[in-house]
Protein backbone atom coordinates (compact mmCIF):
# COMPACT_ATOMS: atom_id res chain seq x y z
CA MET A 1 -22.77 -40.50 -4.81
CA LYS A 2 -21.38 -42.63 -7.65
CA LYS A 3 -23.80 -44.66 -9.76
CA LEU A 4 -22.85 -47.57 -12.02
CA THR A 5 -24.19 -46.66 -15.46
CA ARG A 6 -22.52 -48.98 -18.01
CA ILE A 7 -20.40 -52.15 -18.37
CA LYS A 8 -18.18 -52.94 -21.36
CA LEU A 9 -16.81 -56.46 -22.02
CA ILE A 10 -14.66 -57.41 -25.02
CA ASN A 11 -13.31 -60.99 -25.41
CA TRP A 12 -14.33 -62.06 -21.90
CA HIS A 13 -15.51 -65.69 -22.08
CA LEU A 14 -18.70 -65.73 -24.17
CA PHE A 15 -18.87 -61.90 -24.39
CA SER A 16 -17.10 -60.93 -27.60
CA ASN A 17 -18.19 -57.27 -27.57
CA VAL A 18 -21.08 -56.22 -25.37
CA THR A 19 -22.16 -52.99 -23.65
CA ILE A 20 -24.58 -53.33 -20.75
CA ASP A 21 -26.52 -50.21 -19.65
CA ILE A 22 -27.33 -50.00 -15.95
CA LYS A 23 -30.24 -47.79 -14.86
CA ASP A 24 -30.97 -47.33 -11.18
CA ASN A 25 -31.55 -50.78 -9.61
CA THR A 26 -30.77 -53.55 -12.10
CA LEU A 27 -31.64 -57.25 -11.79
CA ILE A 28 -29.37 -59.78 -13.48
CA THR A 29 -31.25 -63.02 -14.20
CA GLY A 30 -31.04 -65.92 -16.62
CA GLU A 31 -30.67 -69.66 -17.03
CA ASN A 32 -27.62 -71.49 -15.82
CA ALA A 33 -24.48 -71.07 -17.95
CA THR A 34 -25.80 -67.90 -19.59
CA GLY A 35 -23.05 -65.61 -18.19
CA LYS A 36 -24.34 -64.18 -14.91
CA THR A 37 -21.33 -65.34 -12.93
CA THR A 38 -19.04 -64.49 -15.82
CA LEU A 39 -20.24 -60.90 -15.63
CA LEU A 40 -19.79 -60.73 -11.86
CA ASP A 41 -16.32 -62.26 -12.09
CA ALA A 42 -15.34 -59.59 -14.63
CA ILE A 43 -16.50 -56.84 -12.25
CA GLN A 44 -14.73 -58.59 -9.35
CA PHE A 45 -11.48 -58.92 -11.29
CA LEU A 46 -11.61 -55.25 -12.29
CA LEU A 47 -12.49 -53.80 -8.87
CA VAL A 48 -10.13 -56.07 -6.88
CA GLY A 49 -7.28 -55.20 -9.20
CA GLY A 50 -6.16 -58.49 -10.73
CA LYS A 51 -5.91 -62.15 -9.90
CA GLY A 52 -4.63 -61.56 -6.38
CA GLY A 53 -7.70 -61.76 -4.15
CA SER A 54 -10.14 -62.72 -6.93
CA LYS A 55 -12.25 -65.86 -6.44
CA PHE A 56 -13.89 -66.76 -9.74
CA ASN A 57 -17.21 -68.59 -10.04
CA ILE A 58 -17.74 -68.31 -6.29
CA ALA A 59 -21.30 -67.11 -6.85
CA ALA A 60 -22.22 -70.40 -8.54
CA ASN A 61 -19.82 -73.15 -7.58
CA THR A 62 -17.09 -73.02 -4.97
CA ASP A 63 -15.39 -75.94 -6.69
CA GLY A 64 -15.15 -74.06 -9.96
CA LYS A 65 -11.68 -73.78 -11.40
CA ARG A 66 -12.09 -70.83 -13.70
CA THR A 67 -9.03 -68.68 -14.37
CA VAL A 68 -8.40 -65.34 -16.04
CA GLU A 69 -6.76 -67.10 -18.96
CA ASN A 70 -9.80 -69.36 -19.46
CA TYR A 71 -12.09 -66.31 -19.42
CA ILE A 72 -9.89 -64.54 -21.99
CA LYS A 73 -9.62 -67.55 -24.34
CA GLY A 74 -13.28 -68.42 -23.85
CA LYS A 75 -12.96 -71.99 -22.58
CA THR A 76 -16.06 -74.06 -23.51
CA GLY A 77 -15.06 -77.57 -22.47
CA ASP A 78 -16.22 -78.98 -25.78
CA VAL A 79 -14.08 -81.79 -27.16
CA GLY A 80 -12.18 -80.65 -30.21
CA ASN A 81 -13.21 -77.03 -29.68
CA GLU A 82 -12.05 -76.29 -26.16
CA TYR A 83 -11.40 -72.50 -26.65
CA ILE A 84 -13.26 -69.88 -28.65
CA ARG A 85 -10.09 -67.81 -29.11
CA THR A 86 -6.85 -69.59 -29.95
CA GLY A 87 -4.55 -66.82 -31.14
CA ASP A 88 -3.25 -63.66 -29.50
CA VAL A 89 -6.10 -62.13 -27.53
CA VAL A 90 -6.76 -58.57 -26.29
CA THR A 91 -9.49 -58.31 -23.67
CA HIS A 92 -11.18 -55.16 -22.29
CA ILE A 93 -13.14 -54.91 -19.06
CA CYS A 94 -14.49 -51.42 -18.32
CA ILE A 95 -17.20 -49.97 -16.10
CA GLU A 96 -18.64 -46.45 -16.18
CA TYR A 97 -19.76 -44.36 -13.16
CA TYR A 98 -21.67 -41.10 -12.87
CA ASP A 99 -20.86 -38.73 -10.00
CA GLN A 100 -24.14 -37.03 -9.04
CA TYR A 101 -22.37 -34.29 -7.09
CA ALA A 102 -19.69 -33.48 -9.65
CA LYS A 103 -22.12 -34.22 -12.52
CA ASP A 104 -19.38 -35.97 -14.46
CA TYR A 105 -18.57 -39.44 -15.79
CA SER A 106 -15.52 -41.59 -15.04
CA ILE A 107 -14.37 -45.01 -16.25
CA ILE A 108 -12.42 -47.80 -14.53
CA GLY A 109 -10.92 -50.44 -16.80
CA CYS A 110 -8.18 -52.88 -17.63
CA ILE A 111 -6.49 -54.16 -20.77
CA LEU A 112 -5.49 -57.82 -20.74
CA GLU A 113 -3.07 -58.96 -23.45
CA LEU A 114 -2.58 -62.74 -23.67
CA PRO A 115 -0.20 -63.91 -26.39
CA ARG A 116 -0.83 -67.35 -27.92
CA SER A 117 2.28 -68.65 -26.24
CA GLY A 118 3.23 -66.23 -23.50
CA LYS A 119 2.41 -64.66 -20.17
CA LEU A 120 -0.67 -62.59 -19.40
CA ASN A 121 -0.07 -58.86 -19.16
CA ASP A 122 -2.79 -56.82 -17.42
CA ARG A 123 -2.91 -53.04 -17.17
CA PHE A 124 -5.42 -51.10 -15.04
CA TYR A 125 -6.49 -47.48 -15.55
CA PHE A 126 -8.82 -44.81 -14.16
CA ILE A 127 -9.92 -41.88 -16.34
CA GLU A 128 -12.16 -38.96 -15.38
CA SER A 129 -14.49 -36.89 -17.58
CA ILE A 130 -15.09 -39.60 -20.19
CA LYS A 131 -17.84 -42.09 -21.12
CA ILE A 132 -17.74 -45.61 -22.54
CA SER A 133 -17.98 -45.85 -26.33
CA ASP A 134 -16.94 -48.46 -28.91
CA ASP A 135 -14.43 -46.03 -30.46
CA LEU A 136 -12.38 -46.19 -27.27
CA PHE A 137 -11.78 -49.92 -27.55
CA ILE A 138 -12.40 -50.97 -31.18
CA ASP A 139 -10.35 -50.02 -34.22
CA GLY A 140 -12.24 -51.35 -37.19
CA ASN A 141 -13.23 -54.84 -36.05
CA LEU A 142 -10.29 -55.43 -33.75
CA PRO A 143 -9.88 -54.43 -30.10
CA ARG A 144 -7.13 -51.91 -29.39
CA ASN A 145 -4.08 -53.13 -27.50
CA TYR A 146 -2.24 -50.96 -24.97
CA ASN A 147 -0.10 -49.13 -27.55
CA ALA A 148 -3.10 -48.53 -29.81
CA MET A 149 -5.02 -47.12 -26.83
CA LYS A 150 -2.18 -44.69 -26.07
CA THR A 151 -2.03 -43.56 -29.70
CA TYR A 152 -5.81 -43.09 -29.90
CA PHE A 153 -5.98 -41.01 -26.74
CA LYS A 154 -3.05 -38.83 -27.82
CA ASN A 155 -4.04 -38.24 -31.45
CA THR A 156 -7.83 -38.30 -31.24
CA LEU A 157 -8.72 -37.22 -27.72
CA ASN A 158 -5.62 -35.08 -27.13
CA ARG A 159 -5.20 -36.75 -23.74
CA GLU A 160 -2.62 -38.96 -22.10
CA PHE A 161 -3.50 -42.59 -21.47
CA ARG A 162 -1.91 -43.73 -18.20
CA VAL A 163 -1.99 -47.07 -16.42
CA PHE A 164 -1.06 -47.86 -12.82
CA GLU A 165 2.37 -49.29 -12.17
CA THR A 166 1.34 -51.35 -9.12
CA THR A 167 -1.78 -53.02 -7.76
CA LYS A 168 -1.42 -51.04 -4.55
CA ALA A 169 -1.51 -47.71 -6.37
CA TYR A 170 -4.57 -48.85 -8.33
CA ARG A 171 -6.44 -49.99 -5.22
CA GLU A 172 -5.63 -46.72 -3.44
CA GLN A 173 -7.16 -44.84 -6.36
CA ILE A 174 -10.28 -47.04 -6.29
CA SER A 175 -10.67 -46.64 -2.51
CA LYS A 176 -10.24 -42.89 -2.90
CA PHE A 177 -12.82 -42.79 -5.66
CA PHE A 178 -15.39 -44.75 -3.64
CA ASN A 179 -14.22 -43.32 -0.29
CA ILE A 180 -13.71 -46.76 1.30
CA ASP A 181 -10.83 -48.66 2.91
CA ALA A 182 -8.77 -50.36 0.18
CA ASN A 183 -7.70 -53.44 2.16
CA LYS A 184 -11.15 -54.25 3.54
CA TYR A 185 -12.73 -53.60 0.18
CA ALA A 186 -10.40 -56.05 -1.62
CA LYS A 187 -11.19 -58.75 0.96
CA LEU A 188 -14.96 -58.25 1.29
CA LEU A 189 -15.82 -57.93 -2.39
CA PRO A 190 -15.14 -61.61 -3.31
CA LYS A 191 -17.03 -62.73 -0.20
CA ALA A 192 -20.01 -60.58 -1.15
CA LEU A 193 -20.36 -62.49 -4.43
CA ALA A 194 -21.20 -65.80 -2.69
CA PHE A 195 -24.92 -65.91 -3.46
CA LYS A 196 -25.69 -69.65 -2.93
CA PRO A 197 -27.57 -70.74 0.23
CA ILE A 198 -25.09 -71.53 2.98
CA ASN A 199 -25.05 -71.96 6.71
CA LEU A 200 -24.99 -68.47 8.24
CA GLN A 201 -22.33 -69.31 10.80
CA THR A 202 -20.22 -70.94 8.11
CA PHE A 203 -20.65 -67.90 5.87
CA VAL A 204 -19.65 -65.54 8.66
CA ASN A 205 -16.66 -67.64 9.64
CA ASP A 206 -15.51 -68.39 6.13
CA PHE A 207 -16.28 -65.19 4.29
CA LEU A 208 -16.72 -62.39 6.80
CA LEU A 209 -14.39 -63.30 9.65
CA ASP A 210 -10.72 -63.93 9.40
CA VAL A 211 -9.65 -67.31 10.72
CA ASP A 212 -7.78 -66.78 13.99
CA GLU A 213 -7.38 -68.78 17.21
CA VAL A 214 -8.57 -67.21 20.42
CA ASP A 215 -5.74 -66.49 22.86
CA ILE A 216 -7.17 -65.78 26.34
CA ASN A 217 -3.89 -64.52 27.73
CA SER A 218 -3.47 -62.29 24.74
CA ILE A 219 -6.98 -60.95 25.23
CA LYS A 220 -6.28 -60.37 28.92
CA ASN A 221 -3.05 -58.59 28.13
CA ASN A 222 -4.81 -56.59 25.47
CA PHE A 223 -7.50 -55.66 28.01
CA GLU A 224 -4.87 -54.54 30.50
CA ASN A 225 -3.05 -52.66 27.80
CA LEU A 226 -6.36 -51.16 26.76
CA LYS A 227 -6.96 -50.02 30.34
CA LYS A 228 -3.51 -48.48 30.42
CA ILE A 229 -4.12 -46.85 27.10
CA GLU A 230 -7.48 -45.50 28.33
CA ASP A 231 -5.79 -44.10 31.43
CA LYS A 232 -3.09 -42.58 29.31
CA ILE A 233 -5.70 -41.23 26.95
CA GLN A 234 -7.50 -39.63 29.89
CA ILE A 235 -4.23 -38.08 31.09
CA ASP A 236 -3.45 -36.98 27.56
CA GLU A 237 -6.95 -35.51 27.24
CA GLU A 238 -6.40 -33.55 30.46
CA LYS A 239 -3.05 -32.41 29.13
CA LEU A 240 -4.71 -31.58 25.86
CA ILE A 241 -7.28 -29.42 27.67
CA ILE A 242 -4.47 -27.60 29.47
CA LEU A 243 -2.52 -27.29 26.24
CA ASN A 244 -5.60 -25.95 24.49
CA LYS A 245 -6.00 -23.33 27.21
CA ILE A 246 -2.31 -22.48 26.93
CA SER A 247 -2.68 -22.34 23.18
CA GLU A 248 -5.74 -20.11 23.50
CA ASN A 249 -3.93 -17.85 25.96
CA ALA A 250 -0.87 -17.79 23.70
CA LEU A 251 -3.09 -16.95 20.77
CA LYS A 252 -4.79 -14.18 22.74
CA CYS A 253 -1.39 -12.92 23.87
CA GLN A 254 -0.15 -12.98 20.31
CA GLU A 255 -3.28 -11.16 19.16
CA GLN A 256 -2.81 -8.59 21.91
CA GLN A 257 0.84 -8.14 20.97
CA THR A 258 -0.19 -7.78 17.37
CA GLN A 259 -2.84 -5.27 18.38
CA ILE A 260 -0.29 -3.36 20.45
CA LYS A 261 2.05 -3.27 17.47
CA VAL A 262 -0.82 -2.15 15.27
CA ASN A 263 -1.79 0.54 17.81
CA ASN A 264 1.82 1.71 18.06
CA LEU A 265 2.04 1.77 14.31
CA LEU A 266 -1.23 3.71 14.06
CA THR A 267 0.04 6.12 16.74
CA LYS A 268 3.26 6.67 14.79
CA ILE A 269 1.28 7.10 11.58
CA ASN A 270 -1.01 9.58 13.33
CA TYR A 271 2.02 11.43 14.75
CA ILE A 272 3.62 11.55 11.32
CA GLU A 273 0.39 12.78 9.78
CA ASN A 274 0.08 15.46 12.48
CA GLN A 275 3.71 16.45 11.92
CA GLU A 276 3.10 16.60 8.19
CA GLU A 277 0.03 18.76 8.78
CA PHE A 278 2.01 20.94 11.21
CA LEU A 279 4.81 21.28 8.67
CA LYS A 280 2.33 22.20 5.97
CA THR A 281 0.67 24.78 8.25
CA THR A 282 4.05 26.09 9.44
CA SER A 283 5.34 26.27 5.88
CA LEU A 284 2.26 28.23 4.89
CA GLU A 285 2.64 30.53 7.88
CA ILE A 286 6.34 31.00 7.12
CA SER A 287 5.46 31.75 3.52
CA ASN A 288 2.90 34.29 4.68
CA ILE A 289 5.41 35.79 7.11
CA VAL A 290 8.03 35.97 4.37
CA THR A 291 5.49 37.63 2.10
CA LYS A 292 4.50 40.07 4.85
CA ASN A 293 8.17 40.72 5.63
CA ASN A 294 8.84 41.42 1.97
CA ASN A 295 5.86 43.75 1.93
CA TYR A 296 7.11 45.40 5.12
CA ASN A 297 10.57 45.78 3.59
CA LEU A 298 9.04 47.32 0.49
CA LYS A 299 6.95 49.64 2.64
CA LYS A 300 10.04 50.46 4.74
CA ILE A 301 11.98 51.30 1.62
CA GLU A 302 9.06 53.43 0.47
CA HIS A 303 8.90 55.06 3.91
CA ASP A 304 12.69 55.59 3.90
CA LEU A 305 12.44 57.15 0.47
CA ALA A 306 9.52 59.27 1.62
CA LEU A 307 11.46 60.15 4.79
CA ASN A 308 14.50 61.10 2.72
CA ASN A 309 12.24 63.19 0.54
CA LYS A 310 10.77 64.74 3.68
CA ASP A 311 14.28 65.36 5.02
CA LEU A 312 15.16 67.02 1.74
CA GLU A 313 11.98 69.02 1.90
CA ILE A 314 12.72 69.96 5.52
CA LEU A 315 16.27 70.87 4.57
CA ASN A 316 14.95 72.91 1.70
CA LEU A 317 12.39 74.44 4.01
CA GLU A 318 15.04 75.15 6.60
CA LYS A 319 17.23 76.62 3.94
CA SER A 320 14.26 78.53 2.66
CA LYS A 321 13.44 79.56 6.23
CA GLU A 322 17.02 80.56 6.86
CA SER A 323 16.95 82.43 3.61
CA ASN A 324 13.72 84.12 4.60
CA ASP A 325 15.03 84.95 8.12
CA PHE A 326 18.25 86.29 6.69
CA SER A 327 16.38 88.31 4.14
CA LYS A 328 14.17 89.62 6.89
CA THR A 329 17.22 90.42 9.00
CA ILE A 330 18.89 92.11 6.06
CA SER A 331 15.71 93.97 5.39
CA ASN A 332 15.47 95.06 9.03
CA LEU A 333 19.09 96.08 9.01
CA ASN A 334 18.56 98.03 5.83
CA ASP A 335 15.57 99.72 7.37
CA HIS A 336 17.51 100.39 10.56
CA ILE A 337 20.50 101.67 8.62
CA SER A 338 18.24 103.72 6.47
CA LYS A 339 16.61 105.18 9.56
CA LYS A 340 19.99 105.76 11.19
CA GLU A 341 21.26 107.40 8.02
CA GLN A 342 18.22 109.58 7.97
CA GLU A 343 18.74 110.38 11.67
CA LEU A 344 22.41 110.99 10.94
CA GLU A 345 21.55 113.26 8.12
CA ARG A 346 19.11 115.08 10.32
CA ALA A 347 21.60 115.10 13.16
CA GLN A 348 24.30 116.39 10.84
CA VAL A 349 21.99 119.02 9.56
CA ALA A 350 21.02 119.92 13.12
CA HIS A 351 24.65 119.66 14.15
CA ASN A 352 25.75 121.87 11.37
CA GLU A 353 22.98 124.26 12.20
CA LEU A 354 23.84 124.02 15.89
CA ILE A 355 27.53 124.54 15.19
CA GLN A 356 26.67 127.43 13.05
CA ASN A 357 24.38 128.82 15.70
CA ILE A 358 26.91 128.19 18.41
CA GLU A 359 29.66 129.65 16.38
CA SER A 360 27.41 132.52 15.57
CA GLU A 361 26.40 132.95 19.21
CA LEU A 362 29.96 132.38 20.31
CA MET A 363 31.01 135.15 18.02
CA ILE A 364 28.21 137.26 19.39
CA TYR A 365 29.12 136.46 22.98
CA ASN A 366 32.77 137.06 22.26
CA GLU A 367 31.85 140.39 20.86
CA LEU A 368 29.50 140.89 23.77
CA GLY A 369 32.32 139.88 26.14
CA LYS A 370 34.46 142.42 24.63
CA VAL A 371 31.79 144.93 25.18
CA VAL A 372 30.66 143.75 28.58
CA LYS A 373 33.79 142.89 30.42
CA ASN A 374 34.01 140.97 33.64
CA ASN A 375 30.54 139.57 33.24
CA ARG A 376 30.76 136.12 34.82
CA HIS A 377 27.69 134.69 33.18
CA ILE A 378 28.82 135.57 29.73
CA SER A 379 32.32 134.29 30.35
CA ASP A 380 30.97 131.05 31.87
CA PHE A 381 28.69 130.46 28.91
CA VAL A 382 31.45 131.09 26.41
CA GLU A 383 33.72 128.76 28.33
CA TYR A 384 30.98 126.09 28.33
CA LEU A 385 30.51 126.35 24.64
CA GLN A 386 34.18 126.07 24.00
CA LYS A 387 34.45 123.01 26.25
CA ASN A 388 31.40 121.13 24.84
CA SER A 389 31.87 121.89 21.15
CA SER A 390 34.33 118.97 20.94
CA THR A 391 31.89 116.70 22.78
CA ILE A 392 29.18 117.47 20.32
CA SER A 393 31.60 116.71 17.50
CA TYR A 394 32.50 113.39 19.23
CA ASN A 395 28.89 112.31 19.51
CA ILE A 396 28.43 112.96 15.83
CA GLY A 397 31.59 110.86 15.10
CA THR A 398 30.37 108.05 17.30
CA LEU A 399 27.11 107.96 15.43
CA ASN A 400 28.97 107.75 12.12
CA ALA A 401 31.09 104.89 13.49
CA LEU A 402 27.98 103.04 14.51
CA LEU A 403 26.53 103.45 11.07
CA THR A 404 29.75 102.16 9.53
CA ASN A 405 29.65 99.07 11.78
CA LEU A 406 26.07 98.39 10.81
CA ALA A 407 26.99 98.56 7.15
CA ASN A 408 29.90 96.18 7.69
CA GLU A 409 27.66 93.71 9.57
CA LYS A 410 25.16 93.87 6.71
CA SER A 411 27.88 93.12 4.17
CA GLY A 412 29.12 90.15 6.25
CA LEU A 413 25.64 88.69 6.49
CA GLU A 414 25.12 89.01 2.76
CA ASN A 415 28.40 87.23 2.07
CA LYS A 416 27.45 84.39 4.51
CA TYR A 417 24.07 83.96 2.82
CA ARG A 418 25.62 83.72 -0.63
CA TYR A 419 28.13 81.10 0.64
CA GLN A 420 25.43 78.90 2.20
CA ARG A 421 23.30 79.19 -0.91
CA ASP A 422 26.10 78.15 -3.18
CA THR A 423 27.11 75.14 -1.03
């Protein structure tokens, strides 16, 4: 809610420089010709936005012929002293409002410059976040003109002083500020200032109602058109209901499509995350497998080395075994040869003894045969001895040959052993 808090008038009829404070509900009273209507006309001129639409002195006298120029010059009607101000005049009308919601002040005002011989120039402005003070309008003892106001705002307040280019733009700003219709406001405000007792019907007709002749046919046509419009509105409302349902369904469909896309996206994200996890796990497993494989390869190399060592040991053992077997064989052969040599020696000794005995006996039997002639037994025995003496010698030779072969075999085995050992 906006509350009127202050009014500033400079060079407006009898008000040379006055500031009026407004607190809550304010009653304006006084004798005739003391400035009540003058004050209301200033507010009317400011809020309507200029001479267009303003009706001065309507609160006191409908026949009054007051003008903006007369208010600015301060027309008195006295003979010989008709105007208070005769030179160039600068007039300020400004009102201050307080916004209870925004908790801030704003001012609405106008600067009226009337040269001594020239045309009136009025400029309207609206400024937020500022309060009325004499420094805004007075420089020394003189009111500031438009250019002085611009300079003061720029140099002192560090703000830009702007005025509205058109009455329409100004009224739109006022209607926006008060949240009312601009056209109705400009028409109703002058009518609201008519305070004198009047006939109610006349007041309504003259001030509240626009003058217009009643056209029955036009009303009838308007009624028919209204009926058509109502029917069309009903059809449009039904269409609107259908369109709203379609819109709702389309919105739901769009939401579902969006949800499907989101679900697909989440599914893909989940798949990617699972794949990433699988890759991480697989990479770790592969790394472990590679490590194990490396360990296995190392162990295999160690096993191969150990196996080679074992093969060498086995080979050495086999060689050693072969060496031991050969040595044993050689030893056995040596023992056998030694035994055979001993047997041979004994056989030779026995043979020699036998030969000697046989030869001795043969000599005896020969002698005996000479003595005992024609004795068949003696002759048969002598013949036997003579026949078998060579056989006995052969058996002894065969035994010597066997011994020689054994010695040769021994020598061959020794040579084979030395060859294998060297290679």
